[in-house]
């Protein structure tokens, strides 16, 4: 967890949709499913220079120096998670990305090692609005990724839909 980005940071928060129900329904398989999920997530995050600064159950809190890196990691993670042979109960991960001001390693930092309540609260809310398999971006992050989208990816403004 050294070298966490600080200042203007792009955060990617994720969690497995319906994980509690899945863990209750398949208590014998849940540890292996969660372990595989964690491995795939870490690989995608690290490939795009991200730092995992906190994991709570199946929820990942990660930080990136740039918005395109965070988006590329999220897209890669969704692609590999979607290709995985999960069995009868596939895992669907919801993801949210927001860019804002936060300080790593501050004395009064929360458990994950960051201060910047407004930024951290917003990325949590963006992620919470997503459905499994979706990646939602704040307008700030969408503006920063601009035309640097991964192949086959486009953005849709959900606020303008009826």
Protein backbone atom coordinates (compact mmCIF):
# COMPACT_ATOMS: atom_id res chain seq x y z
CA UNK A 1 0.00 0.00 0.00
CA UNK A 2 2.95 2.30 -0.35
CA UNK A 3 2.91 4.99 -3.02
CA UNK A 4 -0.83 5.59 -2.85
CA UNK A 5 -1.83 8.45 -5.14
CA UNK A 6 -2.69 11.64 -3.31
CA UNK A 7 -4.11 15.02 -4.25
CA UNK A 8 -6.42 14.52 -7.21
CA UNK A 9 -7.20 10.79 -7.14
CA UNK A 10 -9.51 8.59 -9.17
CA UNK A 11 -11.22 5.99 -7.01
CA UNK A 12 -12.77 2.74 -8.19
CA UNK A 13 -15.08 1.09 -5.65
CA UNK A 14 -16.66 -2.30 -6.36
CA UNK A 15 -18.75 -4.99 -4.75
CA UNK A 16 -20.51 -8.20 -5.70
CA UNK A 17 -24.22 -7.72 -6.22
CA UNK A 18 -26.18 -10.06 -3.95
CA UNK A 19 -23.08 -11.43 -2.22
CA UNK A 20 -24.76 -11.99 1.14
CA UNK A 21 -27.52 -14.06 -0.45
CA UNK A 22 -24.96 -15.99 -2.49
CA UNK A 23 -22.80 -16.68 0.58
CA UNK A 24 -25.85 -17.92 2.49
CA UNK A 25 -27.06 -20.09 -0.39
CA UNK A 26 -23.64 -21.63 -1.05
CA UNK A 27 -21.65 -21.51 2.20
CA UNK A 28 -19.31 -24.30 1.08
CA UNK A 29 -18.47 -22.66 -2.27
CA UNK A 30 -18.45 -19.03 -1.15
CA UNK A 31 -14.82 -18.94 0.08
CA UNK A 32 -13.54 -20.24 -3.28
CA UNK A 33 -15.79 -17.89 -5.27
CA UNK A 34 -14.64 -14.93 -3.19
CA UNK A 35 -10.98 -15.93 -3.49
CA UNK A 36 -11.27 -16.17 -7.29
CA UNK A 37 -13.09 -12.82 -7.45
CA UNK A 38 -10.33 -11.22 -5.39
CA UNK A 39 -7.59 -12.65 -7.63
CA UNK A 40 -9.27 -11.42 -10.82
CA UNK A 41 -9.92 -7.99 -9.35
CA UNK A 42 -6.36 -7.57 -8.09
CA UNK A 43 -4.92 -8.60 -11.45
CA UNK A 44 -6.98 -6.04 -13.37
CA UNK A 45 -6.30 -3.27 -10.85
CA UNK A 46 -2.56 -3.88 -10.72
CA UNK A 47 -2.32 -4.16 -14.52
CA UNK A 48 -3.46 -0.54 -14.74
CA UNK A 49 -1.29 0.79 -11.90
CA UNK A 50 -4.04 0.87 -9.29
CA UNK A 51 -3.63 0.40 -5.56
CA UNK A 52 -6.02 -1.62 -3.43
CA UNK A 53 -6.18 0.29 -0.17
CA UNK A 54 -9.05 -1.52 1.52
CA UNK A 55 -11.11 -4.70 1.09
CA UNK A 56 -14.22 -5.24 3.20
CA UNK A 57 -15.72 -8.65 2.50
CA UNK A 58 -16.13 -8.59 -1.29
CA UNK A 59 -15.94 -4.79 -1.65
CA UNK A 60 -12.78 -3.31 -3.13
CA UNK A 61 -11.63 0.27 -2.53
CA UNK A 62 -8.93 1.21 -5.01
CA UNK A 63 -7.07 4.34 -6.07
CA UNK A 64 -5.51 5.42 -9.37
CA UNK A 65 -3.43 8.40 -10.44
CA UNK A 66 -5.51 8.90 -13.59
CA UNK A 67 -9.12 8.43 -14.63
CA UNK A 68 -8.27 6.44 -17.80
CA UNK A 69 -6.28 3.92 -15.73
CA UNK A 70 -9.23 3.40 -13.38
CA UNK A 71 -11.66 2.98 -16.26
CA UNK A 72 -9.36 0.56 -18.07
CA UNK A 73 -9.01 -1.51 -14.89
CA UNK A 74 -12.78 -1.57 -14.39
CA UNK A 75 -13.44 -2.60 -17.99
CA UNK A 76 -10.78 -5.31 -17.82
CA UNK A 77 -12.17 -6.60 -14.53
CA UNK A 78 -15.73 -6.76 -15.91
CA UNK A 79 -14.49 -8.59 -18.99
CA UNK A 80 -12.55 -11.26 -17.07
CA UNK A 81 -15.29 -11.63 -14.45
CA UNK A 82 -17.81 -12.10 -17.25
CA UNK A 83 -15.72 -14.82 -18.90
CA UNK A 84 -15.19 -16.74 -15.66
CA UNK A 85 -17.03 -20.07 -15.25
CA UNK A 86 -18.77 -19.34 -11.93
CA UNK A 87 -21.19 -22.25 -12.09
CA UNK A 88 -24.90 -22.01 -11.37
CA UNK A 89 -24.69 -18.63 -9.65
CA UNK A 90 -22.56 -16.21 -11.69
CA UNK A 91 -20.95 -13.31 -9.90
CA UNK A 92 -21.97 -9.84 -11.04
CA UNK A 93 -19.89 -6.92 -9.79
CA UNK A 94 -21.07 -3.33 -9.64
CA UNK A 95 -18.47 -0.62 -10.01
CA UNK A 96 -18.30 3.11 -9.47
CA UNK A 97 -15.57 5.57 -10.41
CA UNK A 98 -15.13 9.15 -9.20
CA UNK A 99 -12.23 11.60 -9.29
CA UNK A 100 -11.69 14.13 -6.55
CA UNK A 101 -9.39 15.48 -3.90
CA UNK A 102 -8.16 13.08 -1.22
CA UNK A 103 -5.02 12.73 0.85
CA UNK A 104 -3.30 9.41 1.44
CA UNK A 105 -1.63 8.61 4.72
CA UNK A 106 -3.04 11.54 6.65
CA UNK A 107 -2.96 11.23 10.43
CA UNK A 108 -6.74 11.43 10.69
CA UNK A 109 -7.37 9.11 7.72
CA UNK A 110 -10.13 6.53 7.86
CA UNK A 111 -9.28 2.82 8.04
CA UNK A 112 -8.45 2.72 4.33
CA UNK A 113 -5.79 5.38 4.61
CA UNK A 114 -7.48 8.35 2.90
CA UNK A 115 -9.07 11.60 3.97
CA UNK A 116 -11.41 13.51 1.70
CA UNK A 117 -14.91 12.75 2.86
CA UNK A 118 -16.77 14.34 -0.05
CA UNK A 119 -14.76 12.43 -2.66
CA UNK A 120 -14.95 9.08 -0.85
CA UNK A 121 -18.65 9.46 -0.09
CA UNK A 122 -19.43 10.28 -3.71
CA UNK A 123 -17.56 7.31 -5.17
CA UNK A 124 -19.40 5.04 -2.71
CA UNK A 125 -22.74 6.48 -3.83
CA UNK A 126 -21.86 6.14 -7.51
CA UNK A 127 -20.95 2.48 -7.00
CA UNK A 128 -24.10 1.84 -4.95
CA UNK A 129 -26.28 3.10 -7.83
CA UNK A 130 -24.83 0.54 -10.25
CA UNK A 131 -26.21 -2.89 -11.01
CA UNK A 132 -24.03 -5.98 -11.28
CA UNK A 133 -22.00 -5.85 -14.48
CA UNK A 134 -22.20 -2.04 -14.73
CA UNK A 135 -19.50 0.58 -14.41
CA UNK A 136 -20.84 4.01 -13.45
CA UNK A 137 -18.70 7.14 -13.69
CA UNK A 138 -19.27 10.50 -12.08
CA UNK A 139 -19.49 13.43 -14.49
CA UNK A 140 -16.09 14.58 -13.25
CA UNK A 141 -14.49 11.29 -14.21
CA UNK A 142 -16.37 11.07 -17.51
CA UNK A 143 -15.00 14.49 -18.44
CA UNK A 144 -11.47 13.37 -17.58
CA UNK A 145 -11.53 10.16 -19.63
CA UNK A 146 -12.85 12.11 -22.61
CA UNK A 147 -11.84 10.31 -25.77
CA UNK A 148 -9.47 7.91 -23.98
CA UNK A 149 -12.03 5.10 -23.78
CA UNK A 150 -11.04 1.44 -24.04
CA UNK A 151 -11.91 -0.27 -27.32
CA UNK A 152 -15.58 -1.09 -27.71
CA UNK A 153 -16.60 1.19 -24.83
CA UNK A 154 -18.82 4.25 -25.01
CA UNK A 155 -20.36 6.44 -22.35
CA UNK A 156 -24.06 7.11 -21.90
CA UNK A 157 -25.33 9.96 -19.76
CA UNK A 158 -27.88 8.29 -17.49
CA UNK A 159 -29.01 11.60 -16.07
CA UNK A 160 -30.44 12.61 -19.43
CA UNK A 161 -32.52 9.45 -19.96
CA UNK A 162 -36.23 9.28 -19.15
